[in-house]
C-alpha atoms as a PDB file:
ATOM      1  CA  MET A   1     -14.033  -3.558  23.066  1.00  0.00           C
ATOM      2  CA  SER A   2     -14.750  -4.318  19.428  1.00  0.00           C
ATOM      3  CA  SER A   3     -11.956  -5.762  17.296  1.00  0.00           C
ATOM      4  CA  GLN A   4     -13.242  -3.623  14.396  1.00  0.00           C
ATOM      5  CA  ILE A   5     -11.875  -0.479  16.065  1.00  0.00           C
ATOM      6  CA  HIS A   6      -8.398  -1.474  14.888  1.00  0.00           C
ATOM      7  CA  GLU A   7      -9.414  -2.354  11.320  1.00  0.00           C
ATOM      8  CA  GLY A   8      -7.750  -0.791   8.323  1.00  0.00           C
ATOM      9  CA  TYR A   9      -7.889  -1.222   4.585  1.00  0.00           C
ATOM     10  CA  LEU A  10      -5.406  -2.195   1.846  1.00  0.00           C
ATOM     11  CA  LEU A  11      -5.988  -1.569  -1.855  1.00  0.00           C
ATOM     12  CA  VAL A  12      -3.653  -3.040  -4.498  1.00  0.00           C
ATOM     13  CA  ASP A  13      -4.797  -1.909  -7.952  1.00  0.00           C
ATOM     14  CA  HIS A  14      -3.312  -3.575 -11.029  1.00  0.00           C
ATOM     15  CA  ARG A  15      -6.235  -2.838 -13.367  1.00  0.00           C
ATOM     16  CA  ALA A  16      -3.985  -0.692 -15.559  1.00  0.00           C
ATOM     17  CA  SER A  17      -0.626  -2.381 -14.965  1.00  0.00           C
ATOM     18  CA  PRO A  18       1.082  -5.687 -15.732  1.00  0.00           C
ATOM     19  CA  GLY A  19       0.739  -6.703 -12.070  1.00  0.00           C
ATOM     20  CA  LEU A  20       3.263  -8.718 -10.114  1.00  0.00           C
ATOM     21  CA  THR A  21       5.021 -11.847 -11.270  1.00  0.00           C
ATOM     22  CA  PRO A  22       4.103 -15.027  -9.383  1.00  0.00           C
ATOM     23  CA  GLY A  23       7.484 -14.924  -7.612  1.00  0.00           C
ATOM     24  CA  GLU A  24       7.036 -11.309  -6.540  1.00  0.00           C
ATOM     25  CA  ALA A  25       3.489 -12.006  -5.328  1.00  0.00           C
ATOM     26  CA  LEU A  26       4.540 -15.014  -3.241  1.00  0.00           C
ATOM     27  CA  SER A  27       7.512 -13.165  -1.746  1.00  0.00           C
ATOM     28  CA  LEU A  28       5.131 -10.430  -0.557  1.00  0.00           C
ATOM     29  CA  GLY A  29       2.605 -12.912   0.879  1.00  0.00           C
ATOM     30  CA  TYR A  30      -0.061 -12.657  -1.829  1.00  0.00           C
ATOM     31  CA  HIS A  31      -1.541 -15.437  -3.923  1.00  0.00           C
ATOM     32  CA  PRO A  32      -0.418 -14.743  -7.531  1.00  0.00           C
ATOM     33  CA  SER A  33      -4.020 -14.645  -8.771  1.00  0.00           C
ATOM     34  CA  GLN A  34      -4.768 -11.733  -6.413  1.00  0.00           C
ATOM     35  CA  VAL A  35      -2.187  -9.306  -7.810  1.00  0.00           C
ATOM     36  CA  SER A  36      -1.709 -10.318 -11.435  1.00  0.00           C
ATOM     37  CA  GLU A  37      -2.434  -8.138 -14.472  1.00  0.00           C
ATOM     38  CA  GLY A  38      -5.847  -6.467 -14.356  1.00  0.00           C
ATOM     39  CA  GLN A  39      -6.604  -7.444 -10.741  1.00  0.00           C
ATOM     40  CA  LEU A  40      -7.961  -5.267  -7.957  1.00  0.00           C
ATOM     41  CA  LEU A  41      -7.245  -6.561  -4.446  1.00  0.00           C
ATOM     42  CA  GLU A  42      -9.057  -5.101  -1.449  1.00  0.00           C
ATOM     43  CA  LEU A  43      -8.307  -6.467   2.013  1.00  0.00           C
ATOM     44  CA  LYS A  44      -9.226  -5.597   5.563  1.00  0.00           C
ATOM     45  CA  THR A  45      -6.249  -5.153   7.859  1.00  0.00           C
ATOM     46  CA  ASN A  46      -5.870  -5.365  11.596  1.00  0.00           C
ATOM     47  CA  HIS A  47      -2.914  -4.714  13.838  1.00  0.00           C
ATOM     48  CA  CYS A  48      -1.499  -7.301  16.182  1.00  0.00           C
ATOM     49  CA  SER A  49      -2.198  -6.172  19.720  1.00  0.00           C
ATOM     50  CA  HIS A  50       0.937  -7.962  20.954  1.00  0.00           C
ATOM     51  CA  CYS A  51       3.638  -6.651  18.596  1.00  0.00           C
ATOM     52  CA  GLY A  52       1.927  -3.898  16.577  1.00  0.00           C
ATOM     53  CA  THR A  53       2.523  -5.429  13.138  1.00  0.00           C
ATOM     54  CA  ILE A  54      -0.164  -5.174  10.461  1.00  0.00           C
ATOM     55  CA  VAL A  55      -2.157  -8.364   9.810  1.00  0.00           C
ATOM     56  CA  LEU A  56      -3.703  -8.748   6.347  1.00  0.00           C
ATOM     57  CA  MET A  57      -7.100 -10.404   6.625  1.00  0.00           C
ATOM     58  CA  ASN A  58      -6.689 -12.491   3.475  1.00  0.00           C
ATOM     59  CA  PRO A  59     -10.021 -14.063   2.419  1.00  0.00           C
ATOM     60  CA  LEU A  60      -8.161 -16.963   0.724  1.00  0.00           C
ATOM     61  CA  ARG A  61      -6.657 -18.077   4.045  1.00  0.00           C
ATOM     62  CA  THR A  62      -7.805 -21.551   5.043  1.00  0.00           C
ATOM     63  CA  ARG A  63      -6.103 -22.030   8.428  1.00  0.00           C
ATOM     64  CA  ASP A  64      -7.410 -20.512  11.651  1.00  0.00           C
ATOM     65  CA  ARG A  65      -6.265 -17.025  12.588  1.00  0.00           C
ATOM     66  CA  SER A  66      -4.541 -16.476  15.902  1.00  0.00           C
ATOM     67  CA  PHE A  67      -6.824 -14.732  18.365  1.00  0.00           C
ATOM     68  CA  CYS A  68      -5.992 -13.555  21.878  1.00  0.00           C
ATOM     69  CA  VAL A  69      -8.750 -14.202  24.399  1.00  0.00           C
ATOM     70  CA  TYR A  70      -7.152 -11.749  26.860  1.00  0.00           C
ATOM     71  CA  CYS A  71      -7.146  -8.855  24.366  1.00  0.00           C
ATOM     72  CA  ASN A  72     -10.222 -10.039  22.433  1.00  0.00           C
ATOM     73  CA  LYS A  73      -8.308  -9.226  19.216  1.00  0.00           C
ATOM     74  CA  TYR A  74      -6.581 -10.950  16.336  1.00  0.00           C
ATOM     75  CA  ILE A  75      -2.830 -11.349  16.645  1.00  0.00           C
ATOM     76  CA  CYS A  76      -0.198 -12.185  14.050  1.00  0.00           C
ATOM     77  CA  ASP A  77       0.928 -15.761  13.434  1.00  0.00           C
ATOM     78  CA  ASN A  78       4.288 -15.202  15.153  1.00  0.00           C
ATOM     79  CA  CYS A  79       2.648 -13.931  18.355  1.00  0.00           C
ATOM     80  CA  GLY A  80       0.097 -16.746  18.111  1.00  0.00           C
ATOM     81  CA  ILE A  81       2.933 -19.276  18.205  1.00  0.00           C
ATOM     82  CA  GLN A  82       4.708 -17.468  21.062  1.00  0.00           C
ATOM     83  CA  SER A  83       1.484 -17.308  23.096  1.00  0.00           C
ATOM     84  CA  LYS A  84       1.392 -21.114  23.177  1.00  0.00           C
ATOM     85  CA  MET A  85       4.860 -21.384  24.758  1.00  0.00           C
ATOM     86  CA  PRO A  86       4.939 -22.517  28.419  1.00  0.00           C
ATOM     87  CA  ASP A  87       6.919 -19.471  29.615  1.00  0.00           C
ATOM     88  CA  TYR A  88       4.727 -16.943  27.766  1.00  0.00           C
ATOM     89  CA  VAL A  89       3.755 -13.773  29.657  1.00  0.00           C
ATOM     90  CA  HIS A  90       0.847 -11.834  28.134  1.00  0.00           C
ATOM     91  CA  LYS A  91       1.651  -8.192  27.382  1.00  0.00           C
ATOM     92  CA  THR A  92       0.041  -5.964  24.813  1.00  0.00           C
ATOM     93  CA  TYR A  93       2.061  -3.744  22.508  1.00  0.00           C
ATOM     94  CA  THR A  94       0.881  -0.706  24.483  1.00  0.00           C
ATOM     95  CA  GLN A  95       2.033  -2.262  27.773  1.00  0.00           C
ATOM     96  CA  GLN A  96       5.449  -3.012  26.270  1.00  0.00           C
ATOM     97  CA  LEU A  97       5.780   0.587  25.027  1.00  0.00           C
ATOM     98  CA  GLU A  98       4.808   1.981  28.417  1.00  0.00           C
ATOM     99  CA  GLU A  99       7.339  -0.271  30.173  1.00  0.00           C
ATOM    100  CA  GLY A 100      10.051   0.828  27.734  1.00  0.00           C
ATOM    101  CA  LEU A 101       9.245   4.502  28.209  1.00  0.00           C
ATOM    102  CA  THR A 102       9.206   4.111  31.994  1.00  0.00           C
ATOM    103  CA  PHE A 103      12.537   2.304  31.889  1.00  0.00           C
ATOM    104  CA  TYR A 104      14.039   5.015  29.659  1.00  0.00           C
ATOM    105  CA  SER A 105      12.672   7.794  31.902  1.00  0.00           C
ATOM    106  CA  ASN A 106      14.178   6.119  34.975  1.00  0.00           C
ATOM    107  CA  LEU A 107      17.558   5.869  33.221  1.00  0.00           C
ATOM    108  CA  LYS A 108      17.516   9.576  32.378  1.00  0.00           C
ATOM    109  CA  GLU A 109      16.750  10.504  36.005  1.00  0.00           C
ATOM    110  CA  GLN A 110      19.736   8.579  37.367  1.00  0.00           C
END
C-alpha cells in the first residue's frame, strides 16, 4: 500500500497579513521564517497510522522521521518513541478503534 494514499495538504497564507510573531510560530511548531509577514507556506501532511494525529511533513526538518515497517507508513514522533519501548505491542489506529467498538458493543449486550 502506498504511503501517499494518506497524504493531505496544509496552506498557511500570510501574503496579505502581518503573519505570526516568532513566539506564536514556535508555539505552533513552525519555524518563524515560514509564517512571517508576506509568507506562503505549503506543506504535505500525513496521518499517523498508530494514533491518527496529523503529521506535518516540514521540509526544514533535519532529523529522521519515524516510520513503521509493519504499516509501511510514517508515524508521529510520539508513536515513534513508544514503538522503541521493550513492551510495545504494534496496533494501528484502525485496530484500536475496532477493539474499542467491539468492547463497547459487548458492554451494551450484557
